C-alpha atoms as a PDB file:
ATOM      1  CA  GLN A   1      86.872 113.933 146.096  1.00  0.00           C
ATOM      2  CA  VAL A   2      89.416 114.499 143.500  1.00  0.00           C
ATOM      3  CA  GLN A   3      91.522 111.500 142.590  1.00  0.00           C
ATOM      4  CA  LEU A   4      94.042 111.259 140.290  1.00  0.00           C
ATOM      5  CA  VAL A   5      95.917 107.946 139.681  1.00  0.00           C
ATOM      6  CA  GLU A   6      98.817 106.973 137.767  1.00  0.00           C
ATOM      7  CA  SER A   7     100.520 103.954 136.048  1.00  0.00           C
ATOM      8  CA  GLY A   8     102.443 102.578 133.983  1.00  0.00           C
ATOM      9  CA  GLY A   9     105.744 103.387 135.180  1.00  0.00           C
ATOM     10  CA  GLY A  10     108.778 101.139 135.830  1.00  0.00           C
ATOM     11  CA  LEU A  11     112.072 100.280 134.084  1.00  0.00           C
ATOM     12  CA  VAL A  12     113.304 100.607 130.651  1.00  0.00           C
ATOM     13  CA  GLN A  13     116.264 100.191 128.693  1.00  0.00           C
ATOM     14  CA  PRO A  14     117.456 103.178 126.439  1.00  0.00           C
ATOM     15  CA  GLY A  15     115.570 103.270 123.175  1.00  0.00           C
ATOM     16  CA  GLY A  16     112.990 101.569 124.753  1.00  0.00           C
ATOM     17  CA  SER A  17     108.953 102.811 125.449  1.00  0.00           C
ATOM     18  CA  LEU A  18     106.492 103.180 127.814  1.00  0.00           C
ATOM     19  CA  THR A  19     103.271 104.365 127.944  1.00  0.00           C
ATOM     20  CA  LEU A  20     101.697 106.669 131.032  1.00  0.00           C
ATOM     21  CA  SER A  21      97.981 106.222 132.133  1.00  0.00           C
ATOM     22  CA  CYS A  22      96.143 108.180 134.553  1.00  0.00           C
ATOM     23  CA  ALA A  23      92.682 107.678 135.153  1.00  0.00           C
ATOM     24  CA  ALA A  24      90.554 110.804 136.524  1.00  0.00           C
ATOM     25  CA  SER A  25      87.614 110.601 139.215  1.00  0.00           C
ATOM     26  CA  GLY A  26      85.202 113.150 141.292  1.00  0.00           C
ATOM     27  CA  ILE A  27      85.908 116.411 138.209  1.00  0.00           C
ATOM     28  CA  SER A  28      84.485 117.220 135.128  1.00  0.00           C
ATOM     29  CA  PHE A  29      86.874 115.306 132.974  1.00  0.00           C
ATOM     30  CA  SER A  30      86.278 117.088 130.007  1.00  0.00           C
ATOM     31  CA  LEU A  31      86.072 120.402 131.082  1.00  0.00           C
ATOM     32  CA  TYR A  32      89.731 120.325 132.547  1.00  0.00           C
ATOM     33  CA  THR A  33      93.484 120.581 130.797  1.00  0.00           C
ATOM     34  CA  MET A  34      95.078 117.380 131.635  1.00  0.00           C
ATOM     35  CA  ALA A  35      99.036 117.828 131.674  1.00  0.00           C
ATOM     36  CA  TRP A  36     101.934 114.992 132.591  1.00  0.00           C
ATOM     37  CA  TYR A  37     104.817 117.016 134.255  1.00  0.00           C
ATOM     38  CA  ARG A  38     107.934 115.054 135.978  1.00  0.00           C
ATOM     39  CA  GLN A  39     110.846 115.878 138.448  1.00  0.00           C
ATOM     40  CA  PRO A  40     113.989 114.221 137.955  1.00  0.00           C
ATOM     41  CA  PRO A  41     116.128 113.553 140.780  1.00  0.00           C
ATOM     42  CA  GLY A  42     117.760 116.805 142.209  1.00  0.00           C
ATOM     43  CA  LYS A  43     115.514 118.739 139.916  1.00  0.00           C
ATOM     44  CA  GLN A  44     112.053 121.386 139.906  1.00  0.00           C
ATOM     45  CA  ARG A  45     109.294 119.641 138.184  1.00  0.00           C
ATOM     46  CA  GLU A  46     108.646 120.311 134.743  1.00  0.00           C
ATOM     47  CA  LEU A  47     105.747 120.536 131.870  1.00  0.00           C
ATOM     48  CA  VAL A  48     106.215 117.538 129.889  1.00  0.00           C
ATOM     49  CA  ALA A  49     102.462 117.754 127.798  1.00  0.00           C
ATOM     50  CA  ALA A  50      99.580 119.016 127.868  1.00  0.00           C
ATOM     51  CA  ILE A  51      95.908 118.905 126.378  1.00  0.00           C
ATOM     52  CA  THR A  52      93.293 121.063 126.202  1.00  0.00           C
ATOM     53  CA  SER A  53      89.426 120.512 126.390  1.00  0.00           C
ATOM     54  CA  GLY A  54      89.840 120.980 122.970  1.00  0.00           C
ATOM     55  CA  GLY A  55      92.339 118.495 122.274  1.00  0.00           C
ATOM     56  CA  ARG A  56      95.310 121.370 121.398  1.00  0.00           C
ATOM     57  CA  THR A  57      98.801 119.833 122.636  1.00  0.00           C
ATOM     58  CA  ASP A  58     101.407 121.802 123.650  1.00  0.00           C
ATOM     59  CA  ILE A  59     104.813 119.286 124.464  1.00  0.00           C
ATOM     60  CA  ARG A  60     108.150 120.230 125.677  1.00  0.00           C
ATOM     61  CA  ASP A  61     110.817 120.806 123.182  1.00  0.00           C
ATOM     62  CA  SER A  62     113.294 118.313 124.600  1.00  0.00           C
ATOM     63  CA  VAL A  63     110.317 115.169 124.401  1.00  0.00           C
ATOM     64  CA  LYS A  64     108.767 116.494 120.750  1.00  0.00           C
ATOM     65  CA  GLY A  65     108.507 113.434 118.258  1.00  0.00           C
ATOM     66  CA  ARG A  66     109.384 110.739 120.941  1.00  0.00           C
ATOM     67  CA  PHE A  67     106.718 111.604 123.565  1.00  0.00           C
ATOM     68  CA  THR A  68     102.873 111.744 122.616  1.00  0.00           C
ATOM     69  CA  ILE A  69      99.533 112.278 124.989  1.00  0.00           C
ATOM     70  CA  SER A  70      95.959 111.533 124.296  1.00  0.00           C
ATOM     71  CA  ARG A  71      92.496 112.123 126.038  1.00  0.00           C
ATOM     72  CA  ASP A  72      89.579 109.553 126.220  1.00  0.00           C
ATOM     73  CA  ASN A  73      86.977 112.014 127.962  1.00  0.00           C
ATOM     74  CA  ALA A  74      84.681 108.952 127.912  1.00  0.00           C
ATOM     75  CA  LYS A  75      87.239 106.807 130.268  1.00  0.00           C
ATOM     76  CA  LYS A  76      88.251 109.843 131.793  1.00  0.00           C
ATOM     77  CA  THR A  77      91.976 109.014 131.160  1.00  0.00           C
ATOM     78  CA  VAL A  78      94.452 110.879 130.151  1.00  0.00           C
ATOM     79  CA  SER A  79      97.828 108.825 128.511  1.00  0.00           C
ATOM     80  CA  LEU A  80     101.463 109.385 127.393  1.00  0.00           C
ATOM     81  CA  GLN A  81     103.256 107.788 124.736  1.00  0.00           C
ATOM     82  CA  MET A  82     107.083 107.445 124.992  1.00  0.00           C
ATOM     83  CA  ASN A  83     109.028 106.565 122.898  1.00  0.00           C
ATOM     84  CA  SER A  84     113.152 106.576 122.544  1.00  0.00           C
ATOM     85  CA  LEU A  85     113.697 106.883 125.643  1.00  0.00           C
ATOM     86  CA  LYS A  86     116.899 108.636 127.148  1.00  0.00           C
ATOM     87  CA  PRO A  87     118.505 108.456 130.843  1.00  0.00           C
ATOM     88  CA  GLU A  88     117.527 111.802 131.181  1.00  0.00           C
ATOM     89  CA  ASP A  89     114.219 111.217 130.913  1.00  0.00           C
ATOM     90  CA  THR A  90     114.177 109.550 134.706  1.00  0.00           C
ATOM     91  CA  ALA A  91     111.887 111.308 136.618  1.00  0.00           C
ATOM     92  CA  VAL A  92     108.821 110.913 138.770  1.00  0.00           C
ATOM     93  CA  TYR A  93     106.385 111.589 135.949  1.00  0.00           C
ATOM     94  CA  TYR A  94     103.103 113.446 137.474  1.00  0.00           C
ATOM     95  CA  CYS A  95      99.059 113.674 136.196  1.00  0.00           C
ATOM     96  CA  ASN A  96      98.092 117.535 136.057  1.00  0.00           C
ATOM     97  CA  ALA A  97      94.028 118.273 136.060  1.00  0.00           C
ATOM     98  CA  GLN A  98      93.575 122.082 135.725  1.00  0.00           C
ATOM     99  CA  LEU A  99      90.819 124.493 135.544  1.00  0.00           C
ATOM    100  CA  ARG A 100      89.900 126.781 138.383  1.00  0.00           C
ATOM    101  CA  TYR A 101      92.369 124.683 140.351  1.00  0.00           C
ATOM    102  CA  ASN A 102      94.891 122.062 139.740  1.00  0.00           C
ATOM    103  CA  HIS A 103      94.939 118.412 140.903  1.00  0.00           C
ATOM    104  CA  TRP A 104      97.651 116.551 140.969  1.00  0.00           C
ATOM    105  CA  GLY A 105      98.589 112.833 141.568  1.00  0.00           C
ATOM    106  CA  ARG A 106     100.575 110.845 143.291  1.00  0.00           C
ATOM    107  CA  GLY A 107     103.158 110.364 140.432  1.00  0.00           C
ATOM    108  CA  THR A 108     104.624 107.127 139.362  1.00  0.00           C
ATOM    109  CA  GLN A 109     108.117 106.262 138.409  1.00  0.00           C
ATOM    110  CA  VAL A 110     110.310 105.575 135.271  1.00  0.00           C
ATOM    111  CA  THR A 111     113.512 104.897 134.942  1.00  0.00           C
ATOM    112  CA  VAL A 112     115.449 104.652 132.222  1.00  0.00           C
ATOM    113  CA  SER A 113     119.008 102.568 132.692  1.00  0.00           C
ATOM    114  CA  SER A 114     120.748  99.586 130.682  1.00  0.00           C
END
């Protein structure tokens, strides 16, 4: 059974930082492209960052220079380091694993507000 469990969300002030983590089980983690998506209130889900099995990254333009995605194949985890957070980063953040099929976590809330 595939499980993706996100952690690290919460409330942070503008300009602050958070690190999201996703722990995977039930998949051959090192083969998968791992990604973080987010769904802002009232909007569609959007790709934030992705990292391939080979370590190539793809970062959404609006978060480039502020967010960093990384993976640890030994621990089967993918992380999203988020710096200089803005109110528009407020969203539910979802972990995604993609190979032949897409697998999703349940999401973690990130709220950026003073």
